[in-house]
Protein backbone atom coordinates (compact mmCIF):
# COMPACT_ATOMS: atom_id res chain seq x y z
CA MET A 1 -5.93 -104.80 79.46
CA GLU A 2 -5.89 -102.82 76.23
CA GLN A 3 -6.04 -99.60 78.23
CA PHE A 4 -2.20 -100.74 79.62
CA LYS A 5 -0.98 -99.96 75.94
CA GLY A 6 2.41 -97.95 75.80
CA LEU A 7 3.30 -98.34 79.23
CA LYS A 8 7.08 -98.89 79.77
CA LYS A 9 7.76 -100.64 82.95
CA THR A 10 5.73 -103.02 84.53
CA LEU A 11 5.75 -105.51 87.71
CA TYR A 12 4.32 -108.90 87.72
CA ILE A 13 3.36 -110.23 90.68
CA TRP A 14 2.52 -114.11 90.91
CA SER A 15 1.19 -116.59 93.57
CA ASN A 16 0.50 -119.84 92.40
CA SER A 17 0.69 -119.97 88.72
CA ASN A 18 2.25 -122.58 86.69
CA GLN A 19 5.08 -122.01 84.57
CA GLU A 20 3.23 -122.14 81.71
CA SER A 21 0.34 -119.87 82.88
CA MET A 22 2.80 -117.34 84.14
CA GLU A 23 5.00 -116.82 81.14
CA LYS A 24 1.78 -116.26 78.93
CA SER A 25 0.60 -113.71 81.05
CA ILE A 26 4.08 -112.00 81.07
CA ASN A 27 4.10 -112.43 77.24
CA LEU A 28 0.50 -110.81 76.80
CA ILE A 29 1.71 -107.86 79.20
CA LYS A 30 4.58 -107.24 76.91
CA GLN A 31 2.61 -107.60 74.09
CA ILE A 32 -0.03 -104.81 75.29
CA THR A 33 2.31 -102.80 76.94
CA GLY A 34 5.67 -102.79 74.40
CA GLY A 35 7.64 -102.06 77.97
CA GLU A 36 9.84 -103.92 80.40
CA VAL A 37 8.06 -106.53 82.53
CA LEU A 38 9.59 -107.68 85.89
CA VAL A 39 8.85 -110.56 87.65
CA GLU A 40 8.03 -111.11 91.61
CA ASN A 41 6.52 -113.51 93.80
CA ILE A 42 4.14 -111.98 95.97
CA ASP A 43 5.52 -113.98 99.23
CA ARG A 44 8.75 -112.55 98.81
CA LEU A 45 7.53 -108.59 97.75
CA SER A 46 8.21 -107.63 101.29
CA MET A 47 12.15 -108.43 100.45
CA ALA A 48 12.19 -107.09 97.19
CA SER A 49 14.93 -104.39 96.79
CA HIS A 50 12.83 -102.38 93.85
CA PRO A 51 12.98 -98.53 94.44
CA ASN A 52 9.69 -96.27 95.12
CA SER A 53 8.54 -95.11 91.98
CA THR A 54 9.37 -97.41 89.83
CA PHE A 55 6.94 -99.03 87.57
CA ASP A 56 4.07 -97.62 85.55
CA LEU A 57 2.07 -100.63 86.26
CA ILE A 58 1.61 -103.51 88.72
CA VAL A 59 -0.49 -107.03 87.96
CA VAL A 60 -0.79 -109.02 90.80
CA GLU A 61 -2.16 -112.46 89.89
CA GLY A 62 -4.11 -114.12 93.28
CA ALA A 63 -4.09 -111.00 95.44
CA ARG A 64 -4.88 -112.67 98.80
CA SER A 65 -4.22 -109.77 101.41
CA SER A 66 -4.08 -105.81 101.90
CA ASP A 67 -0.89 -106.48 103.34
CA ALA A 68 0.81 -105.63 100.55
CA PHE A 69 -1.53 -102.93 98.82
CA ALA A 70 0.43 -99.95 100.62
CA LYS A 71 3.86 -101.44 99.40
CA LEU A 72 2.82 -101.69 96.07
CA LEU A 73 1.45 -98.26 96.25
CA SER A 74 5.00 -96.78 96.99
CA LEU A 75 6.43 -98.84 94.24
CA LEU A 76 4.02 -97.32 91.67
CA LYS A 77 4.95 -94.02 89.92
CA PRO A 78 2.57 -91.13 90.33
CA SER A 79 -0.47 -92.03 88.00
CA GLY A 80 0.41 -95.74 88.17
CA LYS A 81 -1.99 -98.31 87.42
CA LEU A 82 -2.66 -101.32 89.31
CA TYR A 83 -4.28 -104.73 88.30
CA LEU A 84 -5.53 -107.19 90.26
CA GLU A 85 -6.16 -110.58 88.68
CA LYS A 86 -7.81 -113.52 90.24
CA TYR A 87 -8.07 -111.98 93.43
CA GLU A 88 -9.29 -113.40 96.84
CA GLY A 89 -12.41 -112.11 98.57
CA SER A 90 -15.39 -110.23 97.27
CA SER A 91 -14.79 -107.00 95.44
CA GLU A 92 -16.65 -104.69 97.89
CA SER A 93 -14.16 -105.81 100.83
CA VAL A 94 -11.04 -105.96 98.28
CA SER A 95 -11.84 -102.19 96.85
CA GLN A 96 -12.41 -100.82 100.25
CA GLU A 97 -8.83 -101.94 101.23
CA LEU A 98 -7.70 -100.15 98.13
CA LYS A 99 -9.09 -96.88 99.03
CA LEU A 100 -7.62 -97.51 102.55
CA SER A 101 -4.31 -97.78 101.46
CA GLY A 102 -4.48 -94.62 98.96
CA PHE A 103 -5.76 -96.00 95.73
CA LEU A 104 -8.21 -93.84 93.08
CA GLU A 105 -10.69 -94.45 90.34
CA ILE A 106 -11.23 -98.32 91.21
CA GLN A 107 -13.04 -100.28 88.54
CA LYS A 108 -14.31 -103.60 89.32
CA ALA A 109 -15.10 -106.36 86.69
CA THR A 110 -15.80 -109.56 86.40
CA ASP A 111 -12.53 -111.30 87.56
CA SER A 112 -10.35 -108.32 87.75
CA ILE A 113 -10.01 -104.77 89.77
CA THR A 114 -8.18 -101.89 88.05
CA CYS A 115 -6.99 -98.96 90.01
CA GLN A 116 -4.60 -95.74 90.08
CA LYS A 117 -2.02 -94.35 92.46
CA PRO A 118 -2.60 -90.71 92.72
CA ALA A 119 -0.78 -87.80 90.76
CA TYR A 120 1.41 -86.92 93.08
CA GLU A 121 4.21 -88.99 95.12
CA VAL A 122 3.33 -90.20 98.99
CA GLY A 123 4.61 -87.43 101.24
CA SER A 124 4.94 -84.89 98.82
CA SER A 125 4.54 -81.21 100.13
CA VAL A 126 3.61 -78.05 98.35
CA LYS A 127 5.16 -74.69 99.76
CA LEU A 128 2.35 -72.29 100.52
CA SER A 129 2.94 -68.56 99.67
CA PHE A 130 1.23 -66.22 102.29
CA ALA A 131 2.28 -63.39 101.00
CA LYS A 132 0.01 -60.10 101.22
CA LYS A 133 -2.06 -59.51 98.48
CA ASP A 134 -4.03 -56.32 96.93
CA VAL A 135 -7.21 -56.47 99.75
CA ALA A 136 -8.84 -53.48 97.24
CA ALA A 137 -9.19 -55.91 94.75
CA VAL A 138 -11.43 -58.03 96.12
CA TRP A 139 -13.87 -56.06 97.00
CA LYS A 140 -13.38 -54.62 93.43
CA ILE A 141 -16.88 -55.02 91.14
CA ASP A 142 -15.76 -55.79 87.92
CA ALA A 143 -17.55 -53.73 85.00
CA ASP A 144 -17.70 -56.65 82.62
CA ASP A 145 -19.81 -58.40 85.13
CA GLY A 146 -22.87 -60.01 83.31
CA ASP A 147 -24.91 -59.42 86.67
CA GLU A 148 -25.36 -55.71 87.35
CA GLU A 149 -24.81 -54.98 91.45
CA GLU A 150 -27.94 -53.50 93.07
CA THR A 151 -26.39 -50.93 95.71
CA ILE A 152 -28.42 -48.76 98.15
CA ASN A 153 -28.00 -44.78 97.86
CA GLU A 154 -27.05 -43.82 101.04
CA ASP A 155 -29.26 -40.86 100.80
CA ASP A 156 -32.14 -42.88 101.00
CA LEU A 157 -31.39 -43.99 104.53
CA LEU A 158 -31.52 -40.48 105.80
CA ASP A 159 -34.77 -38.45 105.72
CA GLU A 160 -35.36 -34.75 106.10
CA GLU A 161 -35.85 -34.78 110.10
CA ASP A 162 -32.20 -36.42 110.04
CA LYS A 163 -30.80 -33.90 108.16
CA ALA A 164 -32.04 -30.99 110.05
CA LYS A 165 -29.87 -29.33 112.52
CA PRO A 166 -30.27 -29.41 116.13
CA ASN A 167 -31.32 -26.08 117.98
CA PRO A 168 -27.83 -24.88 119.36
CA GLU A 169 -30.14 -24.23 122.80
CA SER A 170 -30.95 -27.79 123.65
CA LEU A 171 -26.90 -28.59 123.00
CA ARG A 172 -26.42 -25.95 125.51
CA VAL A 173 -24.36 -27.70 128.79
CA CYS A 174 -23.46 -26.03 132.30
CA GLY A 175 -20.01 -25.38 132.70
CA THR A 176 -19.36 -26.39 135.81
CA THR A 177 -21.01 -29.73 135.76
CA GLY A 178 -20.20 -30.36 131.86
CA LYS A 179 -23.80 -31.87 131.49
CA ARG A 180 -27.04 -30.37 130.30
CA LYS A 181 -27.77 -29.94 134.48
CA ALA A 182 -27.81 -26.76 136.37
CA CYS A 183 -25.41 -26.33 139.13
CA LYS A 184 -26.85 -25.45 142.58
CA ASP A 185 -25.74 -21.73 142.05
CA CYS A 186 -26.26 -21.60 138.28
CA SER A 187 -26.55 -17.76 136.73
CA CYS A 188 -26.25 -18.69 133.49
CA GLY A 189 -29.66 -19.06 132.43
CA LEU A 190 -29.32 -23.17 131.70
CA ALA A 191 -31.69 -23.62 135.06
CA GLU A 192 -34.51 -21.30 133.86
CA GLU A 193 -33.95 -22.97 130.40
CA LEU A 194 -34.82 -26.49 132.03
CA GLU A 195 -37.50 -25.24 134.18
CA ALA A 196 -39.00 -23.83 130.99
CA GLU A 197 -38.97 -27.11 129.35
CA LYS A 198 -40.28 -28.88 132.02
CA THR A 199 -43.38 -26.76 132.77
CA LYS A 200 -44.30 -27.49 128.69
CA VAL A 201 -43.66 -30.74 128.74
CA ALA A 202 -45.89 -31.00 131.90
CA VAL A 203 -48.33 -28.63 129.76
CA GLU A 204 -48.41 -30.97 126.70
CA THR A 205 -49.30 -34.08 128.80
CA LYS A 206 -52.10 -32.70 130.61
CA ASN A 207 -53.76 -31.86 127.57
CA ALA A 208 -52.57 -34.83 125.74
CA LYS A 209 -55.25 -37.57 124.58
CA SER A 210 -54.43 -41.28 123.96
CA SER A 211 -55.10 -42.59 120.77
CA CYS A 212 -54.74 -45.97 121.54
CA GLY A 213 -56.50 -45.99 125.29
CA SER A 214 -53.77 -47.68 126.65
CA CYS A 215 -51.06 -45.28 127.82
CA TYR A 216 -51.91 -45.56 131.16
CA LEU A 217 -50.82 -49.03 131.65
CA GLY A 218 -46.72 -47.88 131.30
CA ASP A 219 -44.38 -47.81 128.74
CA ALA A 220 -44.77 -51.42 127.56
CA PHE A 221 -48.30 -49.99 126.09
CA ARG A 222 -47.13 -47.01 124.81
CA CYS A 223 -46.53 -46.22 121.24
CA SER A 224 -43.04 -44.75 119.76
CA THR A 225 -44.68 -41.04 120.30
CA CYS A 226 -46.59 -41.27 123.44
CA PRO A 227 -46.24 -37.96 125.70
CA TYR A 228 -46.14 -40.30 128.88
CA LEU A 229 -42.90 -42.02 127.53
CA GLY A 230 -41.03 -42.58 130.79
CA MET A 231 -43.81 -41.47 132.89
CA PRO A 232 -44.97 -44.42 135.58
CA ALA A 233 -47.85 -46.42 134.93
CA PHE A 234 -51.18 -44.60 136.30
CA LYS A 235 -55.11 -44.97 136.71
CA PRO A 236 -57.53 -43.82 133.88
CA GLY A 237 -58.33 -40.35 134.57
CA GLU A 238 -55.33 -39.63 137.39
CA LYS A 239 -53.25 -36.68 137.43
CA VAL A 240 -49.80 -38.03 136.44
CA GLN A 241 -47.20 -37.47 139.21
CA LEU A 242 -43.77 -38.44 139.70
CA ALA A 243 -41.89 -38.93 142.93
CA GLY A 244 -40.32 -36.08 144.79
CA ASN A 245 -36.74 -37.61 144.42
CA LEU A 246 -37.15 -37.34 140.66
CA LEU A 247 -37.25 -33.81 140.53
CA LYS A 248 -34.64 -33.16 142.45
CA ALA A 249 -31.02 -32.69 140.97
CA ASP A 250 -28.22 -35.81 141.47
CA LEU A 251 -25.62 -33.02 143.18
């Protein structure tokens, strides 16, 4: 019990001790702690009028039930110690009951168990602050950090093709439809431009040669630069023809 030296207020709880044995235990506690020792019977503990958070140490001789463990927890001050001496039952079952009652730091010896109340009062609360913090500081990289953060140069994400400006002619739309689709009475030249593009694609497609030999199977088998992309599947050597309704405007 040397670990209890200097504790100021102790509650000694007895069960079946004779007068001589009890006085011997009380004198030993006073000698070690140097503080005040109050005495209570385990059967009358529930009727005791001791205020909560009163004792630095509680010594229980012959603990028999878990019914009083919650009461003992409330009587102890935060971080107060509980010492069970000559308890009944296995050390595993008693330790489990102590844990369920809220005790921490459980240490088992041959015929005793020592544990501790948490460093806060039962039912205590702490006010949480939800004030806004500097969000920018969360993403700030500290220059003093030992590890260098690897970053990606955004210019490396674009190649020369991405940086090239598109041909303004390819962006021209019809003033009537608002789309790159000629109206019925087109007079701005967009109809001729679109027809020339179709002719160019048809010529390129006619003269195109497959590098993989699977272009005729359909888009699922074509590469990203295949001139037949978007065309229907066809038989090898067959002239590719689009359905008549695909060549008509939606208007």
